[in-house]
Amino acid sequence: MLPTRSLLLSIAVGAFGLIGVALYLQHGLDMLPCPLCVIQRYLFLTVGVLALIGAYTGQPKVFAGLGLLAALGGLGTAGKHLWILAHPGLSCGIDPMETFLNKIPTATYLPFLFKADGLCEDALAPWFGLSIPQWSFLWFGLFSLALAWLLIRRAK
């Protein structure tokens, strides 16, 4: 059985690694993030930070529970992104959500990471056979399962 700390550290490394992939797609391949992509970035960072804190505190289940909530929020956001992509008449481009996201302090001070400039439809480009929101949905699902398992398993 994988120790709690190792599992939480693996989740944190995975979540931060996915932010690295997102930055590569944005800056290396010129795929600008849409508002839903930026929200998913916030949620991946939240999962990673909470898992990291949980790995080094005396209450890993509390932080695993909070991380699970963030991962479930990511599943919902990625699911909405997939729903928008499945309905071509819809978009999440220039709208009030984008304006709001681009005015919060993290987007102002870290625009390379949190500024929403793209359209949801741009995320359709397949990457290893899946679209970007499909990958996000898959990873949020894996994080949710791992965090839920951590919460329900018995301690040694």
Protein backbone atom coordinates (compact mmCIF):
# COMPACT_ATOMS: atom_id res chain seq x y z
CA MET A 1 0.00 0.00 0.00
CA LEU A 2 1.33 3.42 -0.99
CA PRO A 3 2.02 5.61 2.06
CA THR A 4 -0.18 8.69 2.46
CA ARG A 5 2.70 11.13 2.10
CA SER A 6 3.94 9.49 -1.10
CA LEU A 7 0.47 9.54 -2.63
CA LEU A 8 -0.05 13.21 -1.75
CA LEU A 9 3.38 14.14 -3.09
CA SER A 10 2.64 12.23 -6.31
CA ILE A 11 -0.62 14.14 -6.71
CA ALA A 12 1.17 17.45 -6.10
CA VAL A 13 3.90 16.65 -8.63
CA GLY A 14 1.27 15.55 -11.16
CA ALA A 15 -0.82 18.70 -10.70
CA PHE A 16 2.20 21.01 -10.96
CA GLY A 17 3.45 19.04 -13.95
CA LEU A 18 0.14 19.62 -15.70
CA ILE A 19 0.56 23.36 -15.15
CA GLY A 20 3.94 23.00 -16.85
CA VAL A 21 2.27 21.25 -19.79
CA ALA A 22 -0.32 24.05 -19.97
CA LEU A 23 2.45 26.66 -20.07
CA TYR A 24 4.21 24.72 -22.83
CA LEU A 25 1.00 24.57 -24.86
CA GLN A 26 0.43 28.28 -24.32
CA HIS A 27 3.92 29.65 -24.85
CA GLY A 28 5.52 26.91 -26.94
CA LEU A 29 2.62 26.03 -29.24
CA ASP A 30 0.72 29.35 -29.09
CA MET A 31 -2.51 27.80 -27.75
CA LEU A 32 -4.06 30.66 -25.80
CA PRO A 33 -6.11 29.59 -22.76
CA CYS A 34 -9.84 30.27 -22.66
CA PRO A 35 -11.61 31.27 -19.42
CA LEU A 36 -12.48 27.64 -18.61
CA CYS A 37 -8.85 26.63 -19.18
CA VAL A 38 -7.72 29.31 -16.72
CA ILE A 39 -10.24 28.13 -14.12
CA GLN A 40 -8.89 24.60 -14.56
CA ARG A 41 -5.36 25.95 -13.99
CA TYR A 42 -6.48 27.50 -10.71
CA LEU A 43 -8.02 24.19 -9.69
CA PHE A 44 -4.94 22.13 -10.66
CA LEU A 45 -2.81 24.52 -8.60
CA THR A 46 -5.25 24.24 -5.70
CA VAL A 47 -5.15 20.44 -5.82
CA GLY A 48 -1.34 20.52 -5.93
CA VAL A 49 -0.91 23.01 -3.10
CA LEU A 50 -3.41 21.22 -0.85
CA ALA A 51 -1.78 17.85 -1.54
CA LEU A 52 1.64 19.33 -0.76
CA ILE A 53 0.42 20.86 2.49
CA GLY A 54 -1.34 17.61 3.39
CA ALA A 55 1.87 15.65 2.83
CA TYR A 56 3.72 17.69 5.43
CA THR A 57 1.12 18.34 8.10
CA GLY A 58 -0.33 16.17 10.82
CA GLN A 59 -3.76 16.22 9.20
CA PRO A 60 -3.37 14.83 5.69
CA LYS A 61 -7.02 13.76 5.45
CA VAL A 62 -8.26 17.32 5.99
CA PHE A 63 -6.16 18.58 3.09
CA ALA A 64 -6.98 15.51 1.00
CA GLY A 65 -10.67 16.31 1.53
CA LEU A 66 -10.17 19.92 0.45
CA GLY A 67 -8.11 18.73 -2.51
CA LEU A 68 -10.92 16.34 -3.42
CA LEU A 69 -13.36 19.26 -3.49
CA ALA A 70 -11.01 21.17 -5.82
CA ALA A 71 -10.59 18.10 -8.05
CA LEU A 72 -14.37 17.65 -8.23
CA GLY A 73 -14.67 21.33 -9.14
CA GLY A 74 -12.14 20.67 -11.89
CA LEU A 75 -14.19 17.73 -13.13
CA GLY A 76 -17.22 20.00 -13.32
CA THR A 77 -15.30 22.75 -15.13
CA ALA A 78 -13.70 20.34 -17.61
CA GLY A 79 -17.12 18.72 -18.10
CA LYS A 80 -18.63 22.10 -18.91
CA HIS A 81 -15.78 22.75 -21.32
CA LEU A 82 -16.47 19.43 -23.06
CA TRP A 83 -20.18 20.26 -23.20
CA ILE A 84 -19.44 23.60 -24.87
CA LEU A 85 -17.19 21.87 -27.40
CA ALA A 86 -19.94 19.35 -28.15
CA HIS A 87 -22.35 22.20 -28.96
CA PRO A 88 -20.68 24.30 -31.69
CA GLY A 89 -23.10 27.23 -31.32
CA LEU A 90 -21.81 27.92 -27.81
CA SER A 91 -18.59 29.60 -26.80
CA CYS A 92 -16.80 30.85 -23.74
CA GLY A 93 -14.75 33.52 -25.45
CA ILE A 94 -15.04 37.23 -24.78
CA ASP A 95 -17.72 37.33 -22.13
CA PRO A 96 -18.17 38.59 -18.55
CA MET A 97 -16.36 35.53 -17.16
CA GLU A 98 -13.24 36.37 -19.20
CA THR A 99 -13.37 40.01 -18.12
CA PHE A 100 -13.73 38.98 -14.46
CA LEU A 101 -10.88 36.44 -14.65
CA ASN A 102 -8.55 38.93 -16.31
CA LYS A 103 -9.14 41.58 -13.64
CA ILE A 104 -8.39 39.53 -10.53
CA PRO A 105 -4.93 40.12 -9.00
CA THR A 106 -3.39 36.80 -10.04
CA ALA A 107 -4.14 37.54 -13.70
CA THR A 108 -2.86 41.08 -13.32
CA TYR A 109 0.43 40.05 -11.70
CA LEU A 110 0.93 36.70 -13.47
CA PRO A 111 -0.63 37.19 -16.92
CA PHE A 112 1.64 34.54 -18.46
CA LEU A 113 -0.18 31.97 -16.32
CA PHE A 114 -3.68 33.28 -15.63
CA LYS A 115 -4.74 35.61 -18.47
CA ALA A 116 -7.61 34.22 -20.52
CA ASP A 117 -7.12 35.20 -24.17
CA GLY A 118 -8.32 32.20 -26.13
CA LEU A 119 -11.56 30.63 -27.25
CA CYS A 120 -12.92 27.32 -26.01
CA GLU A 121 -12.98 25.99 -29.54
CA ASP A 122 -9.18 26.31 -29.76
CA ALA A 123 -8.79 23.50 -27.21
CA LEU A 124 -10.06 20.96 -29.73
CA ALA A 125 -6.61 20.31 -31.20
CA PRO A 126 -5.89 16.69 -30.29
CA TRP A 127 -2.86 16.02 -28.18
CA PHE A 128 -2.01 12.32 -28.15
CA GLY A 129 -5.52 11.61 -29.39
CA LEU A 130 -7.47 13.64 -26.81
CA SER A 131 -8.49 17.28 -26.68
CA ILE A 132 -7.12 19.46 -23.88
CA PRO A 133 -10.40 19.40 -21.88
CA GLN A 134 -10.54 15.61 -22.21
CA TRP A 135 -7.06 15.40 -20.72
CA SER A 136 -8.08 17.76 -17.92
CA PHE A 137 -11.19 15.71 -17.21
CA LEU A 138 -9.11 12.52 -17.11
CA TRP A 139 -6.54 14.00 -14.71
CA PHE A 140 -9.12 15.59 -12.43
CA GLY A 141 -10.86 12.21 -12.35
CA LEU A 142 -7.63 10.42 -11.41
CA PHE A 143 -6.89 12.99 -8.69
CA SER A 144 -10.45 12.67 -7.38
CA LEU A 145 -10.20 8.88 -7.20
CA ALA A 146 -6.80 8.98 -5.49
CA LEU A 147 -7.89 11.59 -2.95
CA ALA A 148 -11.19 9.80 -2.25
CA TRP A 149 -9.29 6.52 -1.77
CA LEU A 150 -6.94 8.29 0.63
CA LEU A 151 -9.93 9.53 2.62
CA ILE A 152 -11.72 6.18 2.92
CA ARG A 153 -8.80 3.82 3.48
CA ARG A 154 -7.79 2.81 6.94
CA ALA A 155 -4.54 4.02 8.41
CA LYS A 156 -1.92 1.39 9.28
